[in-house]
């Protein structure tokens, strides 16, 4: 199977999802620039699955050209029934493509947390949350995880959106740390705590992430991955 991974920021690399793809022997094509994927014909960029990663931006910032174009791309993928995985910003792209909305909550989630509602144990966590936006979805969308009234994961057809960060390992958090000086002090403290946890629980985090990706890819490609 072939997978295209859309990396929306220099520091937000694919981490454990790319490691999972490699463990399956699949082909992974990663693009570092949203422009690269949104300026190319759909037939040339679509592989078997497209994975959208996070961004420091919000999907509602449509005055930024690449966000508006990437939202349009997500809509085309969904309309053409291309299997899609959206992580954080990617989940918000998917939510808007399905007729939902995304708005700031007014506060930020930062750290490793469990989901109070999980459709199956694999969705419970703890998972890393790093977001300040709230997703609202149409009633026909299946919710896979939720906490404090915030949607953390959802499914529609062969598309899955995940608000938390299952791709994040201690190595990815160290990459985030390179941008620590540009973060508010509160976020810097949260990042240091998150990295300490990731260092102490690296094996469990990777194992849990691989179980989740097995579940997600099994849903969207419609077959067992064993």
C-alpha atoms as a PDB file:
ATOM      1  CA  UNK A   1       0.000   0.000   0.000  1.00  0.00           C
ATOM      2  CA  UNK A   2       1.113   3.559  -0.669  1.00  0.00           C
ATOM      3  CA  UNK A   3       0.616   6.450   1.727  1.00  0.00           C
ATOM      4  CA  UNK A   4       1.064  10.182   1.175  1.00  0.00           C
ATOM      5  CA  UNK A   5       1.789  12.112   4.382  1.00  0.00           C
ATOM      6  CA  UNK A   6       1.114  15.851   4.316  1.00  0.00           C
ATOM      7  CA  UNK A   7       3.389  17.581   6.851  1.00  0.00           C
ATOM      8  CA  UNK A   8       2.110  21.089   7.453  1.00  0.00           C
ATOM      9  CA  UNK A   9       5.010  22.457   9.495  1.00  0.00           C
ATOM     10  CA  UNK A  10       8.751  21.943   9.551  1.00  0.00           C
ATOM     11  CA  UNK A  11       8.813  20.670  13.131  1.00  0.00           C
ATOM     12  CA  UNK A  12       5.620  18.565  13.011  1.00  0.00           C
ATOM     13  CA  UNK A  13       7.030  15.407  11.462  1.00  0.00           C
ATOM     14  CA  UNK A  14       5.175  12.130  11.010  1.00  0.00           C
ATOM     15  CA  UNK A  15       6.903  10.306  13.850  1.00  0.00           C
ATOM     16  CA  UNK A  16       5.157   7.099  14.886  1.00  0.00           C
ATOM     17  CA  UNK A  17       2.719   7.046  11.972  1.00  0.00           C
ATOM     18  CA  UNK A  18       5.650   7.004   9.532  1.00  0.00           C
ATOM     19  CA  UNK A  19       7.338   4.314  11.643  1.00  0.00           C
ATOM     20  CA  UNK A  20       4.113   2.280  11.549  1.00  0.00           C
ATOM     21  CA  UNK A  21       3.890   2.625   7.764  1.00  0.00           C
ATOM     22  CA  UNK A  22       7.481   1.402   7.409  1.00  0.00           C
ATOM     23  CA  UNK A  23       6.793  -1.551   9.727  1.00  0.00           C
ATOM     24  CA  UNK A  24       4.065  -2.687   7.338  1.00  0.00           C
ATOM     25  CA  UNK A  25       6.375  -2.493   4.329  1.00  0.00           C
ATOM     26  CA  UNK A  26       4.204   0.159   2.698  1.00  0.00           C
ATOM     27  CA  UNK A  27       5.515   3.001   0.558  1.00  0.00           C
ATOM     28  CA  UNK A  28       5.449   6.407   2.248  1.00  0.00           C
ATOM     29  CA  UNK A  29       5.692   9.669   0.343  1.00  0.00           C
ATOM     30  CA  UNK A  30       6.053  12.707   2.578  1.00  0.00           C
ATOM     31  CA  UNK A  31       5.560  16.294   1.462  1.00  0.00           C
ATOM     32  CA  UNK A  32       6.901  19.110   3.644  1.00  0.00           C
ATOM     33  CA  UNK A  33       5.078  21.883   1.844  1.00  0.00           C
ATOM     34  CA  UNK A  34       1.289  22.224   1.617  1.00  0.00           C
ATOM     35  CA  UNK A  35       1.899  24.049  -1.661  1.00  0.00           C
ATOM     36  CA  UNK A  36       3.419  20.905  -3.160  1.00  0.00           C
ATOM     37  CA  UNK A  37       0.259  18.908  -2.669  1.00  0.00           C
ATOM     38  CA  UNK A  38      -2.424  21.509  -3.312  1.00  0.00           C
ATOM     39  CA  UNK A  39      -0.971  22.758  -6.594  1.00  0.00           C
ATOM     40  CA  UNK A  40      -0.764  19.310  -8.165  1.00  0.00           C
ATOM     41  CA  UNK A  41      -3.515  17.493 -10.033  1.00  0.00           C
ATOM     42  CA  UNK A  42      -5.489  15.162  -7.769  1.00  0.00           C
ATOM     43  CA  UNK A  43      -4.720  12.152  -9.932  1.00  0.00           C
ATOM     44  CA  UNK A  44      -0.985  12.714  -9.430  1.00  0.00           C
ATOM     45  CA  UNK A  45      -0.991  13.063  -5.644  1.00  0.00           C
ATOM     46  CA  UNK A  46      -3.515  10.486  -4.478  1.00  0.00           C
ATOM     47  CA  UNK A  47      -2.074   7.172  -3.406  1.00  0.00           C
ATOM     48  CA  UNK A  48      -3.997   4.547  -1.458  1.00  0.00           C
ATOM     49  CA  UNK A  49      -4.221   6.703   1.697  1.00  0.00           C
ATOM     50  CA  UNK A  50      -3.550  10.371   2.477  1.00  0.00           C
ATOM     51  CA  UNK A  51      -2.539  11.378   6.028  1.00  0.00           C
ATOM     52  CA  UNK A  52      -2.762  15.047   7.072  1.00  0.00           C
ATOM     53  CA  UNK A  53      -0.677  16.115  10.078  1.00  0.00           C
ATOM     54  CA  UNK A  54      -0.937  19.071  12.453  1.00  0.00           C
ATOM     55  CA  UNK A  55      -0.239  22.773  12.143  1.00  0.00           C
ATOM     56  CA  UNK A  56       0.116  25.757  14.449  1.00  0.00           C
ATOM     57  CA  UNK A  57      -2.577  27.401  12.337  1.00  0.00           C
ATOM     58  CA  UNK A  58      -6.349  26.943  12.527  1.00  0.00           C
ATOM     59  CA  UNK A  59      -8.462  25.717   9.627  1.00  0.00           C
ATOM     60  CA  UNK A  60     -10.656  28.811   9.997  1.00  0.00           C
ATOM     61  CA  UNK A  61      -7.716  31.027   8.945  1.00  0.00           C
ATOM     62  CA  UNK A  62      -8.851  30.859   5.344  1.00  0.00           C
ATOM     63  CA  UNK A  63      -7.271  34.230   4.556  1.00  0.00           C
ATOM     64  CA  UNK A  64      -4.046  32.185   4.438  1.00  0.00           C
ATOM     65  CA  UNK A  65      -3.969  30.826   0.908  1.00  0.00           C
ATOM     66  CA  UNK A  66      -2.540  27.367   1.581  1.00  0.00           C
ATOM     67  CA  UNK A  67      -5.156  26.677   4.277  1.00  0.00           C
ATOM     68  CA  UNK A  68      -8.024  27.561   1.962  1.00  0.00           C
ATOM     69  CA  UNK A  69      -6.537  25.377  -0.765  1.00  0.00           C
ATOM     70  CA  UNK A  70      -5.847  22.485   1.576  1.00  0.00           C
ATOM     71  CA  UNK A  71      -9.430  22.621   2.818  1.00  0.00           C
ATOM     72  CA  UNK A  72     -10.567  22.376  -0.804  1.00  0.00           C
ATOM     73  CA  UNK A  73      -8.222  19.433  -1.343  1.00  0.00           C
ATOM     74  CA  UNK A  74      -9.630  17.578   1.678  1.00  0.00           C
ATOM     75  CA  UNK A  75     -13.155  18.126   0.343  1.00  0.00           C
ATOM     76  CA  UNK A  76     -12.154  16.648  -3.017  1.00  0.00           C
ATOM     77  CA  UNK A  77     -10.578  13.624  -1.357  1.00  0.00           C
ATOM     78  CA  UNK A  78     -13.682  12.975   0.724  1.00  0.00           C
ATOM     79  CA  UNK A  79     -15.998  13.496  -2.259  1.00  0.00           C
ATOM     80  CA  UNK A  80     -13.908  10.997  -4.246  1.00  0.00           C
ATOM     81  CA  UNK A  81     -13.915   8.453  -1.375  1.00  0.00           C
ATOM     82  CA  UNK A  82     -10.121   8.494  -1.046  1.00  0.00           C
ATOM     83  CA  UNK A  83      -9.087   6.996   2.340  1.00  0.00           C
ATOM     84  CA  UNK A  84      -8.000   9.821   4.634  1.00  0.00           C
ATOM     85  CA  UNK A  85      -6.518  10.134   8.115  1.00  0.00           C
ATOM     86  CA  UNK A  86      -6.567  13.593   9.690  1.00  0.00           C
ATOM     87  CA  UNK A  87      -4.488  14.316  12.800  1.00  0.00           C
ATOM     88  CA  UNK A  88      -5.144  17.491  14.843  1.00  0.00           C
ATOM     89  CA  UNK A  89      -5.215  20.208  12.131  1.00  0.00           C
ATOM     90  CA  UNK A  90      -5.856  17.335   9.702  1.00  0.00           C
ATOM     91  CA  UNK A  91      -8.876  16.246  11.753  1.00  0.00           C
ATOM     92  CA  UNK A  92     -10.162  19.815  11.614  1.00  0.00           C
ATOM     93  CA  UNK A  93      -9.734  19.831   7.831  1.00  0.00           C
ATOM     94  CA  UNK A  94     -11.757  16.627   7.677  1.00  0.00           C
ATOM     95  CA  UNK A  95     -14.449  17.987   9.993  1.00  0.00           C
ATOM     96  CA  UNK A  96     -15.016  21.022   7.759  1.00  0.00           C
ATOM     97  CA  UNK A  97     -15.101  18.812   4.648  1.00  0.00           C
ATOM     98  CA  UNK A  98     -17.895  16.786   6.293  1.00  0.00           C
ATOM     99  CA  UNK A  99     -19.971  19.880   7.032  1.00  0.00           C
ATOM    100  CA  UNK A 100     -18.755  20.480  10.585  1.00  0.00           C
ATOM    101  CA  UNK A 101     -17.259  23.562  12.173  1.00  0.00           C
ATOM    102  CA  UNK A 102     -14.060  24.378  14.065  1.00  0.00           C
ATOM    103  CA  UNK A 103     -13.748  27.239  16.556  1.00  0.00           C
ATOM    104  CA  UNK A 104     -11.353  28.251  19.318  1.00  0.00           C
ATOM    105  CA  UNK A 105     -12.319  26.906  22.759  1.00  0.00           C
ATOM    106  CA  UNK A 106     -10.864  29.830  24.664  1.00  0.00           C
ATOM    107  CA  UNK A 107      -8.263  27.702  26.423  1.00  0.00           C
ATOM    108  CA  UNK A 108      -5.661  25.121  25.421  1.00  0.00           C
ATOM    109  CA  UNK A 109      -5.177  21.428  26.117  1.00  0.00           C
ATOM    110  CA  UNK A 110      -1.521  20.579  26.648  1.00  0.00           C
ATOM    111  CA  UNK A 111      -0.331  17.178  27.907  1.00  0.00           C
ATOM    112  CA  UNK A 112      -0.970  13.437  28.057  1.00  0.00           C
ATOM    113  CA  UNK A 113      -4.633  12.723  28.852  1.00  0.00           C
ATOM    114  CA  UNK A 114      -7.134   9.886  28.687  1.00  0.00           C
ATOM    115  CA  UNK A 115     -10.474  10.187  26.908  1.00  0.00           C
ATOM    116  CA  UNK A 116     -13.501   9.880  29.170  1.00  0.00           C
ATOM    117  CA  UNK A 117     -15.478   8.278  26.318  1.00  0.00           C
ATOM    118  CA  UNK A 118     -13.801   5.773  24.006  1.00  0.00           C
ATOM    119  CA  UNK A 119     -15.751   3.556  21.603  1.00  0.00           C
ATOM    120  CA  UNK A 120     -13.141   0.829  22.143  1.00  0.00           C
ATOM    121  CA  UNK A 121     -10.244   0.649  24.650  1.00  0.00           C
ATOM    122  CA  UNK A 122      -7.643   1.537  22.013  1.00  0.00           C
ATOM    123  CA  UNK A 123      -9.058   5.085  21.854  1.00  0.00           C
ATOM    124  CA  UNK A 124      -8.804   5.745  25.583  1.00  0.00           C
ATOM    125  CA  UNK A 125      -5.127   6.609  25.838  1.00  0.00           C
ATOM    126  CA  UNK A 126      -3.462   8.438  27.439  1.00  0.00           C
ATOM    127  CA  UNK A 127      -2.784  10.434  24.291  1.00  0.00           C
ATOM    128  CA  UNK A 128      -1.000  13.722  23.804  1.00  0.00           C
ATOM    129  CA  UNK A 129      -3.365  16.656  23.304  1.00  0.00           C
ATOM    130  CA  UNK A 130      -2.004  19.927  21.991  1.00  0.00           C
ATOM    131  CA  UNK A 131      -4.860  22.038  20.727  1.00  0.00           C
ATOM    132  CA  UNK A 132      -7.144  24.949  21.532  1.00  0.00           C
ATOM    133  CA  UNK A 133      -9.972  24.342  19.071  1.00  0.00           C
ATOM    134  CA  UNK A 134     -13.376  22.709  19.314  1.00  0.00           C
ATOM    135  CA  UNK A 135     -14.866  20.510  16.586  1.00  0.00           C
ATOM    136  CA  UNK A 136     -18.638  20.338  16.003  1.00  0.00           C
ATOM    137  CA  UNK A 137     -19.862  17.588  13.661  1.00  0.00           C
ATOM    138  CA  UNK A 138     -23.127  16.720  11.895  1.00  0.00           C
ATOM    139  CA  UNK A 139     -25.221  14.110  13.702  1.00  0.00           C
ATOM    140  CA  UNK A 140     -24.486  11.276  11.288  1.00  0.00           C
ATOM    141  CA  UNK A 141     -20.750  11.288  12.043  1.00  0.00           C
ATOM    142  CA  UNK A 142     -19.636   8.462  14.370  1.00  0.00           C
ATOM    143  CA  UNK A 143     -17.745   9.686  17.437  1.00  0.00           C
ATOM    144  CA  UNK A 144     -14.873   7.397  18.439  1.00  0.00           C
ATOM    145  CA  UNK A 145     -13.541   9.372  21.424  1.00  0.00           C
ATOM    146  CA  UNK A 146     -14.573  12.423  23.415  1.00  0.00           C
ATOM    147  CA  UNK A 147     -13.473  14.201  26.589  1.00  0.00           C
ATOM    148  CA  UNK A 148     -14.743  17.314  28.372  1.00  0.00           C
ATOM    149  CA  UNK A 149     -17.311  17.640  25.576  1.00  0.00           C
ATOM    150  CA  UNK A 150     -14.518  17.988  23.005  1.00  0.00           C
ATOM    151  CA  UNK A 151     -14.514  15.523  20.107  1.00  0.00           C
ATOM    152  CA  UNK A 152     -11.182  13.689  20.087  1.00  0.00           C
ATOM    153  CA  UNK A 153     -11.788  11.192  17.262  1.00  0.00           C
ATOM    154  CA  UNK A 154     -14.466  10.526  14.660  1.00  0.00           C
ATOM    155  CA  UNK A 155     -15.179   8.347  11.629  1.00  0.00           C
ATOM    156  CA  UNK A 156     -17.152   8.758   8.434  1.00  0.00           C
ATOM    157  CA  UNK A 157     -16.955   6.250   5.585  1.00  0.00           C
ATOM    158  CA  UNK A 158     -13.269   5.646   4.861  1.00  0.00           C
ATOM    159  CA  UNK A 159     -12.074   8.745   6.696  1.00  0.00           C
ATOM    160  CA  UNK A 160     -10.958   9.078  10.328  1.00  0.00           C
ATOM    161  CA  UNK A 161     -10.128  12.269  12.200  1.00  0.00           C
ATOM    162  CA  UNK A 162      -8.082  12.340  15.411  1.00  0.00           C
ATOM    163  CA  UNK A 163      -7.795  15.572  17.411  1.00  0.00           C
ATOM    164  CA  UNK A 164      -5.012  14.256  19.652  1.00  0.00           C
ATOM    165  CA  UNK A 165      -1.508  13.287  18.481  1.00  0.00           C
ATOM    166  CA  UNK A 166      -0.939   9.515  18.135  1.00  0.00           C
ATOM    167  CA  UNK A 167       2.096  10.199  15.925  1.00  0.00           C
ATOM    168  CA  UNK A 168       4.005  11.866  18.748  1.00  0.00           C
ATOM    169  CA  UNK A 169       6.968  10.121  20.385  1.00  0.00           C
ATOM    170  CA  UNK A 170       9.699  11.517  22.623  1.00  0.00           C
ATOM    171  CA  UNK A 171      11.765  12.161  19.457  1.00  0.00           C
ATOM    172  CA  UNK A 172       8.948  14.239  17.926  1.00  0.00           C
ATOM    173  CA  UNK A 173       8.560  16.228  21.144  1.00  0.00           C
ATOM    174  CA  UNK A 174      12.276  16.992  21.066  1.00  0.00           C
ATOM    175  CA  UNK A 175      11.736  18.427  17.588  1.00  0.00           C
ATOM    176  CA  UNK A 176       8.927  20.578  18.978  1.00  0.00           C
ATOM    177  CA  UNK A 177      11.362  21.757  21.625  1.00  0.00           C
ATOM    178  CA  UNK A 178      13.497  23.383  18.938  1.00  0.00           C
ATOM    179  CA  UNK A 179      10.668  25.915  18.614  1.00  0.00           C
ATOM    180  CA  UNK A 180      10.216  26.339  22.375  1.00  0.00           C
ATOM    181  CA  UNK A 181      11.376  29.965  22.416  1.00  0.00           C
ATOM    182  CA  UNK A 182       8.473  30.969  20.185  1.00  0.00           C
ATOM    183  CA  UNK A 183       5.944  29.405  22.592  1.00  0.00           C
ATOM    184  CA  UNK A 184       4.234  31.104  25.534  1.00  0.00           C
ATOM    185  CA  UNK A 185       5.908  30.255  28.835  1.00  0.00           C
ATOM    186  CA  UNK A 186       2.956  28.099  29.911  1.00  0.00           C
ATOM    187  CA  UNK A 187       3.341  25.998  26.748  1.00  0.00           C
ATOM    188  CA  UNK A 188       7.075  25.641  27.323  1.00  0.00           C
ATOM    189  CA  UNK A 189       6.399  24.210  30.784  1.00  0.00           C
ATOM    190  CA  UNK A 190       3.737  21.854  29.392  1.00  0.00           C
ATOM    191  CA  UNK A 191       6.105  20.698  26.669  1.00  0.00           C
ATOM    192  CA  UNK A 192       8.845  19.896  29.177  1.00  0.00           C
ATOM    193  CA  UNK A 193       6.392  17.830  31.249  1.00  0.00           C
ATOM    194  CA  UNK A 194       5.087  16.051  28.140  1.00  0.00           C
ATOM    195  CA  UNK A 195       8.623  15.179  27.047  1.00  0.00           C
ATOM    196  CA  UNK A 196       9.481  13.788  30.491  1.00  0.00           C
ATOM    197  CA  UNK A 197       6.433  11.537  30.311  1.00  0.00           C
ATOM    198  CA  UNK A 198       7.295  10.446  26.760  1.00  0.00           C
ATOM    199  CA  UNK A 199      10.843   9.585  27.779  1.00  0.00           C
ATOM    200  CA  UNK A 200       9.597   7.516  30.711  1.00  0.00           C
ATOM    201  CA  UNK A 201       6.887   5.702  28.717  1.00  0.00           C
ATOM    202  CA  UNK A 202       8.398   5.452  25.230  1.00  0.00           C
ATOM    203  CA  UNK A 203       7.707   1.723  24.787  1.00  0.00           C
ATOM    204  CA  UNK A 204       4.061   1.936  25.894  1.00  0.00           C
ATOM    205  CA  UNK A 205       3.435   5.017  23.746  1.00  0.00           C
ATOM    206  CA  UNK A 206       4.730   3.340  20.588  1.00  0.00           C
ATOM    207  CA  UNK A 207       2.857   0.097  21.283  1.00  0.00           C
ATOM    208  CA  UNK A 208      -0.394   1.951  21.915  1.00  0.00           C
ATOM    209  CA  UNK A 209       0.085   4.096  18.789  1.00  0.00           C
ATOM    210  CA  UNK A 210       0.710   1.078  16.576  1.00  0.00           C
ATOM    211  CA  UNK A 211      -2.465  -0.579  17.920  1.00  0.00           C
ATOM    212  CA  UNK A 212      -4.401   2.595  17.133  1.00  0.00           C
ATOM    213  CA  UNK A 213      -2.964   2.897  13.617  1.00  0.00           C
ATOM    214  CA  UNK A 214      -3.851  -0.745  12.969  1.00  0.00           C
ATOM    215  CA  UNK A 215      -7.397   0.134  13.964  1.00  0.00           C
ATOM    216  CA  UNK A 216      -7.516   3.322  11.885  1.00  0.00           C
ATOM    217  CA  UNK A 217      -5.995   1.935   8.692  1.00  0.00           C
ATOM    218  CA  UNK A 218      -8.149  -1.171   8.996  1.00  0.00           C
ATOM    219  CA  UNK A 219     -11.231   1.051   9.048  1.00  0.00           C
ATOM    220  CA  UNK A 220     -10.331   3.239   6.099  1.00  0.00           C
ATOM    221  CA  UNK A 221      -8.986   0.590   3.720  1.00  0.00           C
ATOM    222  CA  UNK A 222     -11.683  -1.914   4.642  1.00  0.00           C
ATOM    223  CA  UNK A 223      -9.514  -4.928   5.276  1.00  0.00           C
ATOM    224  CA  UNK A 224      -7.400  -6.620   7.907  1.00  0.00           C
ATOM    225  CA  UNK A 225      -3.805  -5.401   8.054  1.00  0.00           C
ATOM    226  CA  UNK A 226      -2.415  -8.518   9.708  1.00  0.00           C
END
